[in-house]
Protein backbone atom coordinates (compact mmCIF):
# COMPACT_ATOMS: atom_id res chain seq x y z
CA MET A 1 48.02 1.20 -36.95
CA ARG A 2 45.86 4.25 -36.63
CA SER A 3 42.68 2.32 -37.44
CA THR A 4 43.37 -0.16 -34.60
CA LYS A 5 43.73 2.72 -32.18
CA ASN A 6 40.39 4.20 -33.33
CA THR A 7 38.66 0.82 -32.99
CA VAL A 8 39.96 0.39 -29.45
CA HIS A 9 38.87 3.94 -28.60
CA LEU A 10 35.37 3.27 -30.00
CA ALA A 11 35.13 -0.01 -28.09
CA ASN A 12 36.15 1.71 -24.85
CA SER A 13 33.70 4.50 -25.54
CA ALA A 14 30.84 2.01 -26.08
CA LYS A 15 31.80 0.14 -22.89
CA ASN A 16 31.84 3.38 -20.90
CA GLU A 17 28.44 4.31 -22.31
CA ASP A 18 27.03 0.90 -21.34
CA ASP A 19 28.55 1.23 -17.87
CA SER A 20 27.00 4.68 -17.50
CA ARG A 21 23.58 3.37 -18.53
CA MET A 22 23.85 0.51 -16.06
CA ILE A 23 24.81 2.89 -13.23
CA LEU A 24 21.95 5.21 -14.17
CA ASN A 25 19.49 2.28 -14.13
CA GLU A 26 20.76 1.22 -10.69
CA ILE A 27 20.30 4.77 -9.37
CA GLU A 28 16.78 4.94 -10.77
CA ALA A 29 15.94 1.56 -9.21
CA GLU A 30 17.22 2.73 -5.81
CA GLN A 31 15.20 5.95 -6.09
CA PHE A 32 12.07 3.98 -6.98
CA LYS A 33 12.67 1.63 -4.03
CA ALA A 34 13.15 4.57 -1.65
CA GLN A 35 9.99 6.29 -2.91
CA THR A 36 7.97 3.07 -2.57
CA ASN A 37 9.22 2.51 0.98
CA GLU A 38 8.34 6.11 1.88
CA GLU A 39 4.81 5.71 0.50
CA ILE A 40 4.34 2.49 2.46
CA ALA A 41 5.60 4.16 5.63
CA ASN A 42 3.19 7.06 5.09
CA ALA A 43 0.24 4.71 4.46
CA THR A 44 0.83 2.49 7.50
CA PRO A 45 -0.69 4.88 10.10
CA TYR A 46 -3.80 5.29 7.93
CA MET A 47 -4.18 1.53 7.67
CA GLN A 48 -3.92 1.22 11.45
CA LEU A 49 -6.49 3.98 11.90
CA GLY A 50 -8.82 2.21 9.48
CA LYS A 51 -8.50 -1.04 11.43
CA GLU A 52 -9.33 0.77 14.67
CA GLN A 53 -12.36 2.44 13.07
CA ILE A 54 -13.68 -0.98 12.10
CA LYS A 55 -13.00 -2.61 15.46
CA THR A 56 -15.54 -0.67 17.57
CA PRO A 57 -18.55 -1.08 15.24
CA LYS A 58 -17.71 -4.77 14.86
CA GLU A 59 -17.72 -5.22 18.65
CA ALA A 60 -21.06 -3.37 18.85
CA LEU A 61 -22.51 -5.61 16.15
CA ASN A 62 -21.37 -8.75 17.95
CA GLN A 63 -22.88 -7.50 21.23
CA SER A 64 -26.17 -6.71 19.49
CA ILE A 65 -26.25 -10.17 17.94
CA GLU A 66 -25.65 -11.72 21.37
CA ARG A 67 -28.47 -9.61 22.88
CA GLN A 68 -30.74 -10.70 20.03
CA LYS A 69 -29.94 -14.35 20.80
CA LEU A 70 -30.87 -13.69 24.44
CA GLY A 71 -34.03 -11.88 23.39
CA THR A 72 -32.98 -8.60 25.03
CA ALA A 73 -32.15 -6.61 21.88
CA LYS A 74 -34.23 -3.56 20.97
CA PRO A 75 -36.08 -3.60 17.64
CA PHE A 76 -33.72 -2.96 14.73
CA GLU A 77 -30.69 -2.87 17.09
CA VAL A 78 -28.79 -5.46 15.04
CA PHE A 79 -29.76 -3.70 11.81
CA HIS A 80 -28.42 -0.36 13.08
CA ALA A 81 -25.24 -1.94 14.44
CA GLN A 82 -24.77 -3.68 11.11
CA GLN A 83 -25.14 -0.36 9.28
CA PHE A 84 -22.49 1.26 11.48
CA PHE A 85 -20.20 -1.70 10.83
CA LEU A 86 -20.71 -1.76 7.06
CA TYR A 87 -20.61 1.99 6.43
CA PRO A 88 -16.94 2.54 7.43
CA ASN A 89 -15.99 -0.55 5.41
CA TRP A 90 -17.78 0.87 2.39
CA ILE A 91 -15.90 4.18 2.66
CA ILE A 92 -12.52 2.41 2.96
CA CYS A 93 -13.22 0.15 -0.04
CA LYS A 94 -14.63 2.95 -2.21
CA PRO A 95 -12.46 3.49 -5.31
């Protein structure tokens, strides 16, 4: 009779250990999810700022191209506008 009691106790102990591991894994997953969401939230303003920094040089480049089509652009105007447009993109994409 005693051996049956010990077997049941060991089985319950193993089940409790498995349950504890599962709960711990769930907690770790929730912590990882919270950390990831926080990092995304912190990165979002920087992404918006980057988009705004690209917008103005892109508009300037488009205006320079239109002036070149009309024949009213200064020498190298499109080249310089293109450099201002590409340089911020290069910094953002730099590893």
